C-alpha cells in the first residue's frame, strides 16, 4: 500500500525546507551567541558594579551591529565609542545652549566650564580608545575613569551657582554609558 499523495507532498515540502531551516537555525544560534556574550558581559558588569544599568548595557551594546561578532575586547571598544558619541552630543548641546545666553551671565559661565570639561573628556576618550585598541587596559581604565566624572562635574558646576543643570537626561545616560564602559574594561583587566 502506497502513502496517500498528501503525505508525499508534505514530505517533499519538508525536505525542500530542511536546508533553509538548518540555515535559519544557524542564524538563530549565531544571534543567540551574540546576545549571550552581551547579556553575560552586562550581567558580570552589573554584579560587580551596582552603578551599571543592566538593561541599558544590553540594549546599547545590542544596538551596534558589530557586537554580533565581538568578543569582550570588541565590546569594550563598542562601549567606549558609545561614550564618545555621548560626550560629543553633550558638547554640541552645551555649545548650542551657550549661544542663547548673554555674555557674562552665570549660566553662560557654567556652559563654558562644561564645554571645557567635555573637551577634556573627548581627549581622555580618544586616549582610552587607543589604549583599549593596544590592549593597555590599565591606561584605558584610568582615562575612562576621568571621562566618567565629566557629566557629574558639569552638573555640579550649575548646582554650585544655584542653577538647574541642562540636559539632565542625556547627562545621566552618558554617566551610565561611561560606567558600563569602565566595568567592561575592568573585566578585561581581570582576564589578562
Protein backbone atom coordinates (compact mmCIF):
# COMPACT_ATOMS: atom_id res chain seq x y z
CA UNK A 1 0.00 0.00 0.00
CA UNK A 2 1.48 3.36 -1.00
CA UNK A 3 1.19 6.54 1.13
CA UNK A 4 -1.55 8.97 0.17
CA UNK A 5 -0.43 11.82 -2.17
CA UNK A 6 -0.88 14.50 0.55
CA UNK A 7 1.78 12.77 2.71
CA UNK A 8 4.21 12.67 -0.19
CA UNK A 9 3.60 16.37 -0.83
CA UNK A 10 4.21 17.25 2.84
CA UNK A 11 7.36 15.12 2.92
CA UNK A 12 8.64 16.86 -0.24
CA UNK A 13 7.98 20.29 1.22
CA UNK A 14 9.71 19.33 4.47
CA UNK A 15 12.78 18.09 2.59
CA UNK A 16 12.90 21.25 0.48
CA UNK A 17 12.74 23.40 3.56
CA UNK A 18 15.33 21.43 5.53
CA UNK A 19 18.45 23.28 4.30
CA UNK A 20 16.67 26.58 4.76
CA UNK A 21 15.62 25.54 8.26
CA UNK A 22 19.15 24.47 9.07
CA UNK A 23 20.39 27.85 7.85
CA UNK A 24 17.75 29.65 9.92
CA UNK A 25 18.74 27.59 12.94
CA UNK A 26 22.35 28.55 12.37
CA UNK A 27 21.35 32.22 12.18
CA UNK A 28 19.29 31.89 15.34
CA UNK A 29 22.16 30.17 17.12
CA UNK A 30 24.54 32.89 15.93
CA UNK A 31 22.18 35.63 17.16
CA UNK A 32 21.75 33.85 20.48
CA UNK A 33 25.53 33.56 20.82
CA UNK A 34 25.97 37.29 20.21
CA UNK A 35 23.21 38.13 22.63
CA UNK A 36 24.66 35.63 25.10
CA UNK A 37 28.07 37.35 25.25
CA UNK A 38 26.38 40.73 25.59
CA UNK A 39 23.98 39.50 28.27
CA UNK A 40 26.74 37.64 30.09
CA UNK A 41 29.08 40.65 29.96
CA UNK A 42 26.38 43.03 31.16
CA UNK A 43 25.39 40.64 33.94
CA UNK A 44 29.01 40.35 35.10
CA UNK A 45 29.37 44.14 34.97
CA UNK A 46 26.19 44.78 36.95
CA UNK A 47 27.06 42.13 39.53
CA UNK A 48 30.47 43.71 40.18
CA UNK A 49 29.33 47.35 39.94
CA UNK A 50 25.94 48.37 41.34
CA UNK A 51 26.01 51.55 39.20
CA UNK A 52 25.76 49.52 35.97
CA UNK A 53 22.29 49.57 34.46
CA UNK A 54 22.00 46.04 33.06
CA UNK A 55 19.10 46.92 30.75
CA UNK A 56 20.93 49.91 29.24
CA UNK A 57 24.07 47.82 28.91
CA UNK A 58 22.30 45.11 26.92
CA UNK A 59 20.25 47.49 24.77
CA UNK A 60 23.11 49.83 23.89
CA UNK A 61 25.59 47.09 23.03
CA UNK A 62 22.98 45.08 21.11
CA UNK A 63 22.14 48.13 19.01
CA UNK A 64 25.59 48.06 17.42
CA UNK A 65 25.68 45.56 14.53
CA UNK A 66 29.38 44.84 15.09
CA UNK A 67 28.54 43.42 18.53
CA UNK A 68 27.32 40.23 16.83
CA UNK A 69 30.87 39.11 16.17
CA UNK A 70 32.54 40.84 19.12
CA UNK A 71 34.47 39.32 21.96
CA UNK A 72 34.95 41.11 25.29
CA UNK A 73 37.67 43.32 23.79
CA UNK A 74 35.30 44.26 20.95
CA UNK A 75 32.52 45.06 23.40
CA UNK A 76 34.94 47.35 25.27
CA UNK A 77 35.63 49.21 22.02
CA UNK A 78 31.93 49.47 21.20
CA UNK A 79 31.08 50.77 24.67
CA UNK A 80 33.91 53.34 24.59
CA UNK A 81 32.72 54.58 21.19
CA UNK A 82 29.19 54.91 22.57
CA UNK A 83 30.57 57.08 25.37
CA UNK A 84 32.48 59.13 22.80
CA UNK A 85 29.26 59.74 20.86
CA UNK A 86 27.55 60.77 24.11
CA UNK A 87 30.31 63.22 25.01
CA UNK A 88 30.20 64.71 21.51
CA UNK A 89 26.43 65.13 21.85
CA UNK A 90 26.76 66.82 25.23
CA UNK A 91 29.45 69.17 23.91
CA UNK A 92 27.28 70.11 20.91
CA UNK A 93 24.24 70.64 23.13
CA UNK A 94 26.17 72.81 25.57
CA UNK A 95 27.55 74.86 22.68
CA UNK A 96 24.04 75.45 21.31
CA UNK A 97 22.77 76.49 24.74
CA UNK A 98 25.77 78.78 25.22
CA UNK A 99 24.87 80.65 22.04
CA UNK A 100 21.49 81.56 23.57
CA UNK A 101 22.94 83.03 26.77
CA UNK A 102 24.06 86.59 27.38
CA UNK A 103 27.80 87.17 27.64
CA UNK A 104 28.95 87.24 31.25
CA UNK A 105 25.84 85.54 32.64
CA UNK A 106 26.34 82.86 35.32
CA UNK A 107 24.61 80.30 33.09
CA UNK A 108 26.95 81.05 30.16
CA UNK A 109 29.93 80.78 32.50
CA UNK A 110 28.73 77.33 33.60
CA UNK A 111 28.20 76.29 29.99
CA UNK A 112 31.74 77.45 29.15
CA UNK A 113 33.09 75.37 32.02
CA UNK A 114 31.09 72.33 30.87
CA UNK A 115 32.34 72.68 27.32
CA UNK A 116 35.88 72.63 28.69
CA UNK A 117 35.08 69.54 30.75
CA UNK A 118 33.62 67.73 27.73
CA UNK A 119 36.52 68.79 25.53
CA UNK A 120 38.93 67.28 28.08
CA UNK A 121 36.73 64.18 28.27
CA UNK A 122 36.97 63.79 24.49
CA UNK A 123 40.76 63.84 24.70
CA UNK A 124 40.65 61.25 27.51
CA UNK A 125 38.24 59.12 25.48
CA UNK A 126 40.46 59.16 22.44
CA UNK A 127 43.32 58.03 24.70
CA UNK A 128 41.10 55.35 26.28
CA UNK A 129 40.03 54.02 22.87
CA UNK A 130 43.66 53.90 21.71
CA UNK A 131 44.63 52.11 24.93
CA UNK A 132 41.83 49.54 24.50
CA UNK A 133 42.93 49.01 20.91
CA UNK A 134 46.51 48.42 22.13
CA UNK A 135 45.21 46.19 24.97
CA UNK A 136 46.65 48.55 27.61
CA UNK A 137 43.65 48.11 29.87
CA UNK A 138 45.13 49.85 32.93
CA UNK A 139 45.65 53.01 30.87
CA UNK A 140 42.19 52.64 29.35
CA UNK A 141 40.64 52.35 32.80
CA UNK A 142 42.43 55.49 34.02
CA UNK A 143 41.28 57.53 31.01
CA UNK A 144 37.71 56.17 31.12
CA UNK A 145 37.53 56.96 34.86
CA UNK A 146 38.31 60.59 34.07
CA UNK A 147 35.59 60.61 31.42
CA UNK A 148 33.03 59.12 33.82
CA UNK A 149 33.36 62.22 36.00
CA UNK A 150 32.59 64.67 33.16
CA UNK A 151 28.77 64.72 33.38
CA UNK A 152 28.89 64.90 37.18
CA UNK A 153 31.43 67.73 37.12
CA UNK A 154 29.30 69.67 34.65
CA UNK A 155 26.14 69.18 36.70
CA UNK A 156 27.96 70.28 39.87
CA UNK A 157 29.11 73.45 38.10
CA UNK A 158 25.48 74.53 37.69
CA UNK A 159 24.38 73.41 41.15
CA UNK A 160 27.17 75.45 42.77
CA UNK A 161 25.70 78.53 41.06
CA UNK A 162 22.18 77.61 42.19
CA UNK A 163 21.14 76.87 38.61
CA UNK A 164 19.36 73.80 37.25
CA UNK A 165 21.73 71.72 35.11
CA UNK A 166 20.73 71.47 31.44
CA UNK A 167 20.43 68.22 29.50
CA UNK A 168 19.96 66.15 32.67
CA UNK A 169 18.56 63.05 30.94
CA UNK A 170 21.45 62.99 28.45
CA UNK A 171 23.90 63.60 31.27
CA UNK A 172 22.56 60.66 33.30
CA UNK A 173 22.66 58.39 30.25
CA UNK A 174 26.23 59.47 29.46
CA UNK A 175 27.28 58.74 33.03
CA UNK A 176 25.65 55.31 32.81
CA UNK A 177 27.34 54.54 29.46
CA UNK A 178 30.71 55.56 30.90
CA UNK A 179 30.16 53.35 33.96
CA UNK A 180 29.30 50.43 31.66
CA UNK A 181 32.43 51.02 29.59
CA UNK A 182 34.55 51.26 32.71
CA UNK A 183 33.08 48.00 34.03
CA UNK A 184 33.82 46.18 30.75
CA UNK A 185 37.40 47.48 30.77
CA UNK A 186 37.70 46.24 34.35
CA UNK A 187 36.62 42.76 33.22
CA UNK A 188 39.40 42.82 30.63
CA UNK A 189 41.92 43.82 33.30
CA UNK A 190 40.83 40.86 35.43
CA UNK A 191 41.04 38.46 32.47
CA UNK A 192 44.53 39.50 31.33
